[in-house]
């Protein structure tokens, strides 16, 4: 082509509608791609946060279960001690009852 025609086309290429449409599509495509990458990164961050919260929750449940197991063991131990104390109290009551019966017999013998 003639150099003058090439210069004319080169100087006025930006005025053509097709170039502006293609440029707009490239810019919009880049914006959409950036938006999608941002959402992907945000989703990945949310997934990490959820997994961290789940790990914390699981650890808290383990600690709670450990405390409940310890509490149940202490409750059983206390129940055993209460049962032993009740048995001792029953024996003491029986002994006191026998002693009271002997005192009654002694009082009855002393007062004819």
N, C-alpha and C. Protein backbone atom coordinates (compact mmCIF):
# COMPACT_ATOMS: atom_id res chain seq x y z
N UNK A 1 0.83 -1.18 0.00
CA UNK A 1 0.00 0.00 0.00
C UNK A 1 0.88 1.25 0.00
N UNK A 2 0.26 2.26 -0.36
CA UNK A 2 0.95 3.54 -0.40
C UNK A 2 1.22 4.02 1.02
N UNK A 3 2.38 4.61 1.23
CA UNK A 3 2.76 5.06 2.56
C UNK A 3 1.78 6.09 3.09
N UNK A 4 1.27 6.89 2.28
CA UNK A 4 0.30 7.91 2.69
C UNK A 4 -0.98 7.26 3.21
N UNK A 5 -1.42 6.22 2.54
CA UNK A 5 -2.63 5.51 2.97
C UNK A 5 -2.40 4.80 4.30
N UNK A 6 -1.21 4.22 4.46
CA UNK A 6 -0.89 3.54 5.72
C UNK A 6 -0.87 4.56 6.87
N UNK A 7 -0.26 5.70 6.62
CA UNK A 7 -0.24 6.74 7.65
C UNK A 7 -1.65 7.23 7.98
N UNK A 8 -2.46 7.35 6.96
CA UNK A 8 -3.84 7.79 7.17
C UNK A 8 -4.60 6.79 8.04
N UNK A 9 -4.43 5.51 7.73
CA UNK A 9 -5.11 4.45 8.51
C UNK A 9 -4.54 4.39 9.91
N UNK A 10 -3.24 4.52 10.04
CA UNK A 10 -2.60 4.43 11.36
C UNK A 10 -3.01 5.59 12.25
N UNK A 11 -3.16 6.76 11.68
CA UNK A 11 -3.53 7.92 12.48
C UNK A 11 -4.99 7.88 12.92
N UNK A 12 -5.80 7.21 12.16
CA UNK A 12 -7.23 7.24 12.46
C UNK A 12 -7.80 5.89 12.90
N UNK A 13 -6.96 4.96 13.32
CA UNK A 13 -7.45 3.63 13.72
C UNK A 13 -8.29 3.70 14.96
N UNK A 14 -8.00 4.64 15.83
CA UNK A 14 -8.71 4.72 17.09
C UNK A 14 -10.13 5.21 16.92
N UNK A 15 -10.44 5.77 15.78
CA UNK A 15 -11.79 6.27 15.53
C UNK A 15 -12.74 5.17 15.09
N UNK A 16 -12.23 4.08 14.78
CA UNK A 16 -13.09 3.01 14.26
C UNK A 16 -13.85 2.34 15.41
N UNK A 17 -15.08 2.07 15.20
CA UNK A 17 -15.98 1.50 16.21
C UNK A 17 -15.53 0.09 16.60
N UNK A 18 -15.07 -0.67 15.65
CA UNK A 18 -14.69 -2.05 15.95
C UNK A 18 -13.55 -2.09 16.98
N UNK A 19 -12.62 -1.19 16.86
CA UNK A 19 -11.49 -1.17 17.78
C UNK A 19 -11.99 -0.85 19.19
N UNK A 20 -12.89 0.09 19.31
CA UNK A 20 -13.43 0.46 20.62
C UNK A 20 -14.24 -0.68 21.22
N UNK A 21 -14.99 -1.39 20.39
CA UNK A 21 -15.76 -2.53 20.89
C UNK A 21 -14.83 -3.62 21.39
N UNK A 22 -13.78 -3.92 20.63
CA UNK A 22 -12.84 -4.95 21.05
C UNK A 22 -12.12 -4.52 22.34
N UNK A 23 -11.74 -3.26 22.41
CA UNK A 23 -11.08 -2.77 23.62
C UNK A 23 -12.02 -2.86 24.82
N UNK A 24 -13.27 -2.48 24.62
CA UNK A 24 -14.25 -2.56 25.72
C UNK A 24 -14.44 -4.01 26.16
N UNK A 25 -14.52 -4.92 25.20
CA UNK A 25 -14.67 -6.34 25.55
C UNK A 25 -13.45 -6.86 26.32
N UNK A 26 -12.26 -6.44 25.90
CA UNK A 26 -11.06 -6.86 26.63
C UNK A 26 -11.06 -6.31 28.06
N UNK A 27 -11.43 -5.05 28.22
CA UNK A 27 -11.47 -4.46 29.56
C UNK A 27 -12.54 -5.15 30.42
N UNK A 28 -13.71 -5.36 29.85
CA UNK A 28 -14.79 -6.03 30.60
C UNK A 28 -14.41 -7.47 30.93
N UNK A 29 -13.77 -8.15 29.98
CA UNK A 29 -13.32 -9.52 30.24
C UNK A 29 -12.31 -9.56 31.38
N UNK A 30 -11.38 -8.61 31.37
CA UNK A 30 -10.41 -8.54 32.46
C UNK A 30 -11.08 -8.25 33.79
N UNK A 31 -12.08 -7.36 33.79
CA UNK A 31 -12.80 -7.04 35.03
C UNK A 31 -13.56 -8.26 35.55
N UNK A 32 -14.21 -8.97 34.65
CA UNK A 32 -14.96 -10.17 35.06
C UNK A 32 -13.99 -11.22 35.59
N UNK A 33 -12.86 -11.39 34.90
CA UNK A 33 -11.87 -12.36 35.36
C UNK A 33 -11.34 -11.97 36.74
N UNK A 34 -11.05 -10.70 36.94
CA UNK A 34 -10.60 -10.23 38.25
C UNK A 34 -11.65 -10.45 39.32
N UNK A 35 -12.90 -10.19 38.98
CA UNK A 35 -14.01 -10.40 39.91
C UNK A 35 -14.11 -11.87 40.30
N UNK A 36 -14.01 -12.76 39.33
CA UNK A 36 -14.09 -14.19 39.59
C UNK A 36 -12.91 -14.65 40.45
N UNK A 37 -11.73 -14.15 40.16
CA UNK A 37 -10.55 -14.51 40.96
C UNK A 37 -10.72 -14.02 42.40
N UNK A 38 -11.27 -12.82 42.54
CA UNK A 38 -11.54 -12.30 43.88
C UNK A 38 -12.52 -13.18 44.65
N UNK A 39 -13.57 -13.61 43.98
CA UNK A 39 -14.55 -14.49 44.63
C UNK A 39 -13.93 -15.83 44.98
N UNK A 40 -13.09 -16.35 44.09
CA UNK A 40 -12.43 -17.62 44.38
C UNK A 40 -11.54 -17.49 45.60
N UNK A 41 -10.77 -16.40 45.67
CA UNK A 41 -9.88 -16.18 46.82
C UNK A 41 -10.70 -16.01 48.10
N UNK A 42 -11.81 -15.29 48.01
CA UNK A 42 -12.67 -15.11 49.18
C UNK A 42 -13.28 -16.43 49.63
N UNK A 43 -13.72 -17.25 48.68
CA UNK A 43 -14.25 -18.57 49.02
C UNK A 43 -13.21 -19.45 49.67
N UNK A 44 -11.99 -19.38 49.16
CA UNK A 44 -10.90 -20.16 49.76
C UNK A 44 -10.63 -19.69 51.18
N UNK A 45 -10.64 -18.38 51.40
CA UNK A 45 -10.41 -17.83 52.74
C UNK A 45 -11.54 -18.25 53.68
N UNK A 46 -12.78 -18.20 53.20
CA UNK A 46 -13.91 -18.64 54.02
C UNK A 46 -13.77 -20.12 54.38
N UNK A 47 -13.35 -20.93 53.44
CA UNK A 47 -13.18 -22.36 53.71
C UNK A 47 -12.12 -22.58 54.79
N UNK A 48 -11.04 -21.83 54.73
CA UNK A 48 -10.01 -21.94 55.76
C UNK A 48 -10.56 -21.52 57.12
N UNK A 49 -11.35 -20.46 57.15
CA UNK A 49 -11.92 -20.00 58.41
C UNK A 49 -12.88 -21.04 58.98
N UNK A 50 -13.71 -21.62 58.11
CA UNK A 50 -14.66 -22.64 58.58
C UNK A 50 -13.93 -23.86 59.12
N UNK A 51 -12.86 -24.29 58.43
CA UNK A 51 -12.12 -25.45 58.91
C UNK A 51 -11.44 -25.13 60.25
N UNK A 52 -10.97 -23.90 60.41
CA UNK A 52 -10.36 -23.52 61.69
C UNK A 52 -11.40 -23.50 62.81
N UNK A 53 -12.57 -22.99 62.50
CA UNK A 53 -13.65 -22.98 63.51
C UNK A 53 -14.06 -24.41 63.85
N UNK A 54 -14.12 -25.27 62.86
CA UNK A 54 -14.48 -26.67 63.12
C UNK A 54 -13.44 -27.35 63.99
N UNK A 55 -12.15 -27.08 63.72
CA UNK A 55 -11.10 -27.66 64.56
C UNK A 55 -11.23 -27.17 66.01
N UNK A 56 -11.50 -25.89 66.17
CA UNK A 56 -11.70 -25.35 67.51
C UNK A 56 -12.90 -25.96 68.20
N UNK A 57 -13.98 -26.14 67.44
CA UNK A 57 -15.19 -26.74 67.99
C UNK A 57 -14.92 -28.18 68.41
N UNK A 58 -14.22 -28.93 67.55
CA UNK A 58 -13.90 -30.32 67.89
C UNK A 58 -13.03 -30.39 69.14
N UNK A 59 -12.08 -29.49 69.26
CA UNK A 59 -11.22 -29.47 70.45
C UNK A 59 -12.04 -29.12 71.69
N UNK A 60 -12.95 -28.17 71.55
CA UNK A 60 -13.81 -27.81 72.69
C UNK A 60 -14.69 -28.99 73.09
N UNK A 61 -15.21 -29.72 72.13
CA UNK A 61 -16.04 -30.89 72.44
C UNK A 61 -15.21 -31.95 73.15
N UNK A 62 -13.96 -32.15 72.70
CA UNK A 62 -13.08 -33.12 73.38
C UNK A 62 -12.84 -32.71 74.82
N UNK A 63 -12.57 -31.43 75.04
CA UNK A 63 -12.35 -30.93 76.40
C UNK A 63 -13.60 -31.11 77.25
N UNK A 64 -14.76 -30.81 76.66
CA UNK A 64 -16.01 -30.98 77.41
C UNK A 64 -16.24 -32.44 77.77
N UNK A 65 -16.00 -33.33 76.81
CA UNK A 65 -16.17 -34.76 77.08
C UNK A 65 -15.22 -35.22 78.18
N UNK A 66 -13.99 -34.70 78.16
CA UNK A 66 -13.02 -35.06 79.19
C UNK A 66 -13.50 -34.58 80.56
N UNK A 67 -14.00 -33.34 80.60
CA UNK A 67 -14.52 -32.81 81.88
C UNK A 67 -15.72 -33.62 82.35
N UNK A 68 -16.61 -33.98 81.43
CA UNK A 68 -17.78 -34.77 81.82
C UNK A 68 -17.38 -36.15 82.33
N UNK A 69 -16.38 -36.76 81.69
CA UNK A 69 -15.91 -38.06 82.14
C UNK A 69 -15.30 -37.95 83.53
N UNK A 70 -14.51 -36.90 83.75
CA UNK A 70 -13.91 -36.68 85.07
C UNK A 70 -15.00 -36.44 86.11
N UNK A 71 -16.00 -35.65 85.74
CA UNK A 71 -17.10 -35.36 86.65
C UNK A 71 -17.88 -36.63 86.98
N UNK A 72 -18.11 -37.48 85.98
CA UNK A 72 -18.82 -38.73 86.23
C UNK A 72 -18.02 -39.64 87.16
N UNK A 73 -16.71 -39.69 86.97
CA UNK A 73 -15.87 -40.53 87.84
C UNK A 73 -15.89 -40.00 89.27
N UNK A 74 -15.81 -38.68 89.43
CA UNK A 74 -15.85 -38.11 90.77
C UNK A 74 -17.22 -38.32 91.41
N UNK A 75 -18.27 -38.26 90.60
CA UNK A 75 -19.62 -38.50 91.13
C UNK A 75 -19.76 -39.94 91.60
N UNK A 76 -19.23 -40.88 90.84
CA UNK A 76 -19.27 -42.29 91.27
C UNK A 76 -18.48 -42.48 92.55
N UNK A 77 -17.32 -41.85 92.63
CA UNK A 77 -16.50 -41.96 93.83
C UNK A 77 -17.24 -41.38 95.04
N UNK A 78 -17.88 -40.23 94.83
CA UNK A 78 -18.64 -39.61 95.92
C UNK A 78 -19.82 -40.47 96.32
N UNK A 79 -20.48 -41.09 95.33
CA UNK A 79 -21.60 -41.98 95.65
C UNK A 79 -21.13 -43.17 96.47
N UNK A 80 -19.97 -43.70 96.14
CA UNK A 80 -19.41 -44.81 96.93
C UNK A 80 -19.12 -44.38 98.36
N UNK A 81 -18.57 -43.17 98.52
CA UNK A 81 -18.28 -42.67 99.87
C UNK A 81 -19.57 -42.43 100.64
N UNK A 82 -20.58 -41.90 99.95
CA UNK A 82 -21.87 -41.67 100.62
C UNK A 82 -22.49 -42.99 101.03
N UNK A 83 -22.37 -44.00 100.19
CA UNK A 83 -22.92 -45.32 100.52
C UNK A 83 -22.18 -45.90 101.73
N UNK A 84 -20.85 -45.74 101.76
CA UNK A 84 -20.07 -46.24 102.90
C UNK A 84 -20.45 -45.47 104.17
N UNK A 85 -20.64 -44.14 104.04
CA UNK A 85 -21.03 -43.35 105.20
C UNK A 85 -22.43 -43.74 105.68
N UNK A 86 -23.32 -44.02 104.74
CA UNK A 86 -24.68 -44.43 105.12
C UNK A 86 -24.64 -45.78 105.82
N UNK A 87 -23.79 -46.67 105.34
CA UNK A 87 -23.64 -47.97 105.99
C UNK A 87 -23.10 -47.81 107.41
N UNK A 88 -22.09 -46.94 107.54
CA UNK A 88 -21.52 -46.68 108.87
C UNK A 88 -22.57 -46.05 109.78
N UNK A 89 -23.34 -45.11 109.24
CA UNK A 89 -24.39 -44.46 110.04
C UNK A 89 -25.45 -45.48 110.45
N UNK A 90 -25.78 -46.40 109.58
CA UNK A 90 -26.76 -47.44 109.92
C UNK A 90 -26.22 -48.33 111.03
N UNK A 91 -24.95 -48.70 110.93
CA UNK A 91 -24.34 -49.51 111.98
C UNK A 91 -24.30 -48.75 113.29
N UNK A 92 -23.99 -47.45 113.22
CA UNK A 92 -23.96 -46.63 114.44
C UNK A 92 -25.37 -46.52 115.03
N UNK A 93 -26.36 -46.39 114.18
CA UNK A 93 -27.74 -46.32 114.67
C UNK A 93 -28.14 -47.64 115.31
N UNK A 94 -27.75 -48.76 114.71
CA UNK A 94 -28.05 -50.06 115.31
C UNK A 94 -27.36 -50.20 116.67
N UNK A 95 -26.10 -49.79 116.73
CA UNK A 95 -25.37 -49.85 117.99
C UNK A 95 -26.02 -48.95 119.03
N UNK A 96 -26.43 -47.75 118.63
CA UNK A 96 -27.10 -46.83 119.55
C UNK A 96 -28.43 -47.40 120.00
N UNK A 97 -29.13 -48.06 119.10
CA UNK A 97 -30.42 -48.67 119.45
C UNK A 97 -30.21 -49.80 120.47
N UNK A 98 -29.18 -50.61 120.27
CA UNK A 98 -28.88 -51.69 121.22
C UNK A 98 -28.49 -51.11 122.57
N UNK A 99 -27.69 -50.02 122.53
CA UNK A 99 -27.29 -49.39 123.80
C UNK A 99 -28.51 -48.82 124.50
N UNK A 100 -29.43 -48.23 123.75
CA UNK A 100 -30.65 -47.68 124.37
C UNK A 100 -31.50 -48.79 124.95
N UNK A 101 -31.55 -49.93 124.27
CA UNK A 101 -32.31 -51.06 124.81
C UNK A 101 -31.69 -51.54 126.12
N UNK A 102 -30.36 -51.61 126.17
CA UNK A 102 -29.70 -52.04 127.40
C UNK A 102 -29.92 -51.04 128.52
N UNK A 103 -29.92 -49.73 128.18
CA UNK A 103 -30.19 -48.72 129.20
C UNK A 103 -31.62 -48.88 129.71
N UNK A 104 -32.56 -49.12 128.83
CA UNK A 104 -33.96 -49.35 129.24
C UNK A 104 -34.07 -50.54 130.15
N UNK A 105 -33.37 -51.63 129.79
CA UNK A 105 -33.40 -52.83 130.65
C UNK A 105 -32.81 -52.52 132.01
N UNK A 106 -31.72 -51.77 132.02
CA UNK A 106 -31.09 -51.43 133.31
C UNK A 106 -32.00 -50.56 134.15
N UNK A 107 -32.67 -49.62 133.50
CA UNK A 107 -33.60 -48.73 134.22
C UNK A 107 -34.79 -49.53 134.75
N UNK A 108 -35.27 -50.46 133.97
CA UNK A 108 -36.41 -51.28 134.42
C UNK A 108 -35.99 -52.17 135.58
N UNK A 109 -34.78 -52.69 135.60
CA UNK A 109 -34.32 -53.52 136.70
C UNK A 109 -34.13 -52.67 137.96
N UNK A 110 -33.68 -51.45 137.77
CA UNK A 110 -33.44 -50.60 138.92
C UNK A 110 -34.76 -50.12 139.54
N UNK A 111 -35.79 -49.97 138.78
CA UNK A 111 -37.10 -49.53 139.27
C UNK A 111 -38.08 -50.68 139.21
N UNK A 112 -38.17 -51.43 140.31
CA UNK A 112 -39.14 -52.56 140.26
C UNK A 112 -40.54 -52.17 140.53
